[in-house]
Amino acid sequence: MNGRVTAREIEQFLHTKIPLTAGMGVRVESYEAQELVLTAPLEANHNHLGTAFGGSLAALLILAGYGLLWLELGDAESHIVVRSTSLDYRRPVRGPLRAVCARPPPETLAAFRESFARRGKARIELTAHVEQDGGIAVTFRGTFVALVGRAS
């Protein structure tokens, strides 16, 4: 949404549209030219071992992709869904969850937006990762589909 949306507005949108995000404690750390960063506390997202629950990590990564596309499309009424994902859990996350979704190259985004405008739907692949202690703990690759919102 052209960088005019604040982190608080993104959080509010996520908490309203996807209630799970409030329970997870999802926060928007930053949205800059190259990435969207979401965080969540370990306390609300741990497993029986005291490390981050794999489902919470997956959800946070999917949300980072969803949020990035919502911002990039600039269409609050569009429907964004995840089509497929691949996750690689490299090591346990023992502290706050921090998901970083990289903005795709400009030409990829341009093709995505053009397809969305012309056909009312578009598909794009995004990558993201969860950071832990200066390294990557989880990598994510997902395909998302955006559809023009229709009145119910």
Protein backbone atom coordinates (compact mmCIF):
# COMPACT_ATOMS: atom_id res chain seq x y z
CA MET A 1 0.00 0.00 0.00
CA ASN A 2 2.76 2.32 -1.09
CA GLY A 3 4.46 2.52 2.31
CA ARG A 4 1.74 4.80 3.74
CA VAL A 5 0.29 2.11 5.97
CA THR A 6 1.73 2.04 9.48
CA ALA A 7 2.87 -1.08 11.30
CA ARG A 8 -0.08 -0.66 13.68
CA GLU A 9 -2.56 -0.56 10.75
CA ILE A 10 -1.06 -3.75 9.29
CA GLU A 11 -1.35 -5.44 12.69
CA GLN A 12 -4.94 -4.29 13.09
CA PHE A 13 -5.80 -5.62 9.63
CA LEU A 14 -4.23 -9.02 10.42
CA HIS A 15 -5.85 -9.26 13.86
CA THR A 16 -9.27 -8.39 12.38
CA LYS A 17 -9.13 -10.60 9.27
CA ILE A 18 -7.20 -13.50 10.81
CA PRO A 19 -8.04 -13.75 14.53
CA LEU A 20 -5.35 -16.38 15.14
CA THR A 21 -2.77 -13.60 14.79
CA ALA A 22 -3.99 -11.89 17.97
CA GLY A 23 -3.75 -15.13 19.95
CA MET A 24 -0.25 -15.71 18.62
CA GLY A 25 0.74 -12.18 19.61
CA VAL A 26 1.82 -11.28 16.07
CA ARG A 27 3.37 -7.84 15.71
CA VAL A 28 4.74 -6.01 12.71
CA GLU A 29 8.33 -5.08 13.44
CA SER A 30 8.87 -3.30 10.13
CA TYR A 31 7.82 -2.94 6.52
CA GLU A 32 10.53 -1.47 4.38
CA ALA A 33 11.40 -1.42 0.71
CA GLN A 34 12.87 -4.91 0.71
CA GLU A 35 10.98 -6.87 3.36
CA LEU A 36 8.16 -7.31 5.86
CA VAL A 37 9.17 -8.49 9.34
CA LEU A 38 6.65 -10.08 11.72
CA THR A 39 7.34 -11.17 15.28
CA ALA A 40 5.55 -13.23 17.91
CA PRO A 41 6.50 -14.10 21.49
CA LEU A 42 7.71 -17.59 22.30
CA GLU A 43 5.45 -17.66 25.38
CA ALA A 44 2.31 -17.88 23.22
CA ASN A 45 3.85 -20.18 20.60
CA HIS A 46 5.90 -22.88 22.36
CA ASN A 47 5.66 -26.64 22.32
CA HIS A 48 6.16 -29.21 25.10
CA LEU A 49 9.95 -28.81 24.77
CA GLY A 50 9.87 -25.06 25.37
CA THR A 51 10.89 -24.28 21.79
CA ALA A 52 8.74 -22.66 19.10
CA PHE A 53 5.88 -24.86 17.91
CA GLY A 54 6.34 -25.82 14.26
CA GLY A 55 2.77 -24.83 13.43
CA SER A 56 3.32 -21.36 14.86
CA LEU A 57 6.49 -20.96 12.81
CA ALA A 58 4.65 -22.07 9.66
CA ALA A 59 1.73 -19.75 10.41
CA LEU A 60 4.01 -16.76 11.00
CA LEU A 61 5.85 -17.37 7.72
CA ILE A 62 2.59 -17.71 5.77
CA LEU A 63 1.31 -14.53 7.44
CA ALA A 64 4.47 -12.68 6.43
CA GLY A 65 3.86 -13.63 2.79
CA TYR A 66 0.16 -12.80 3.05
CA GLY A 67 0.92 -9.43 4.65
CA LEU A 68 3.56 -8.53 2.09
CA LEU A 69 1.16 -9.25 -0.78
CA TRP A 70 -1.67 -7.33 0.87
CA LEU A 71 0.64 -4.32 1.13
CA GLU A 72 2.01 -4.69 -2.39
CA LEU A 73 -1.41 -5.04 -4.03
CA GLY A 74 -2.86 -2.02 -2.27
CA ASP A 75 -6.33 -3.60 -2.48
CA ALA A 76 -7.78 -4.31 0.97
CA GLU A 77 -10.69 -6.19 -0.60
CA SER A 78 -8.57 -8.66 -2.56
CA HIS A 79 -8.53 -12.29 -1.52
CA ILE A 80 -5.07 -13.69 -0.90
CA VAL A 81 -4.69 -17.40 -0.29
CA VAL A 82 -1.73 -19.72 0.06
CA ARG A 83 -1.64 -22.41 -2.63
CA SER A 84 1.42 -24.43 -1.62
CA THR A 85 4.30 -24.27 0.83
CA SER A 86 7.63 -25.85 1.54
CA LEU A 87 9.33 -25.50 4.91
CA ASP A 88 12.77 -26.54 6.09
CA TYR A 89 13.18 -26.59 9.86
CA ARG A 90 16.94 -26.28 10.37
CA ARG A 91 17.17 -25.77 14.12
CA PRO A 92 14.94 -25.06 17.13
CA VAL A 93 13.77 -21.55 17.88
CA ARG A 94 14.35 -20.85 21.57
CA GLY A 95 13.40 -17.18 21.71
CA PRO A 96 10.98 -14.73 20.11
CA LEU A 97 9.77 -15.73 16.65
CA ARG A 98 10.92 -13.38 13.87
CA ALA A 99 9.78 -14.00 10.28
CA VAL A 100 11.28 -12.03 7.41
CA CYS A 101 9.55 -12.10 4.00
CA ALA A 102 11.66 -10.73 1.19
CA ARG A 103 10.06 -8.53 -1.43
CA PRO A 104 10.32 -10.21 -4.86
CA PRO A 105 12.30 -8.54 -7.66
CA PRO A 106 10.53 -5.55 -9.27
CA GLU A 107 9.92 -7.39 -12.54
CA THR A 108 8.26 -10.30 -10.71
CA LEU A 109 5.99 -7.92 -8.80
CA ALA A 110 5.17 -6.01 -12.00
CA ALA A 111 4.10 -9.23 -13.75
CA PHE A 112 2.04 -10.22 -10.70
CA ARG A 113 0.26 -6.86 -10.58
CA GLU A 114 -0.34 -6.87 -14.34
CA SER A 115 -1.93 -10.31 -14.20
CA PHE A 116 -4.04 -9.27 -11.20
CA ALA A 117 -5.26 -6.13 -13.01
CA ARG A 118 -5.91 -7.89 -16.34
CA ARG A 119 -7.32 -11.24 -15.22
CA GLY A 120 -8.55 -10.55 -11.70
CA LYS A 121 -6.17 -13.15 -10.34
CA ALA A 122 -2.46 -13.70 -10.10
CA ARG A 123 0.02 -16.16 -8.64
CA ILE A 124 3.42 -15.48 -7.11
CA GLU A 125 6.10 -17.39 -5.23
CA LEU A 126 7.59 -15.83 -2.11
CA THR A 127 10.45 -16.79 0.16
CA ALA A 128 10.83 -16.06 3.85
CA HIS A 129 12.76 -17.26 6.85
CA VAL A 130 12.72 -17.28 10.63
CA GLU A 131 15.83 -15.88 12.23
CA GLN A 132 17.34 -17.13 15.49
CA ASP A 133 20.56 -15.88 17.09
CA GLY A 134 21.78 -14.23 13.89
CA GLY A 135 21.17 -17.32 11.75
CA ILE A 136 18.33 -18.91 9.83
CA ALA A 137 16.27 -21.47 11.75
CA VAL A 138 13.45 -22.07 9.24
CA THR A 139 13.20 -21.41 5.51
CA PHE A 140 9.91 -21.05 3.66
CA ARG A 141 8.88 -21.04 0.04
CA GLY A 142 5.24 -20.53 -0.78
CA THR A 143 2.99 -19.88 -3.72
CA PHE A 144 0.21 -17.39 -3.11
CA VAL A 145 -2.80 -16.58 -5.27
CA ALA A 146 -4.57 -13.21 -5.23
CA LEU A 147 -8.13 -12.83 -6.48
CA VAL A 148 -10.17 -9.69 -6.96
CA GLY A 149 -12.62 -9.39 -4.06
CA ARG A 150 -16.24 -9.81 -4.98
CA ALA A 151 -19.23 -8.47 -3.10
CA SER A 152 -21.03 -11.21 -1.19
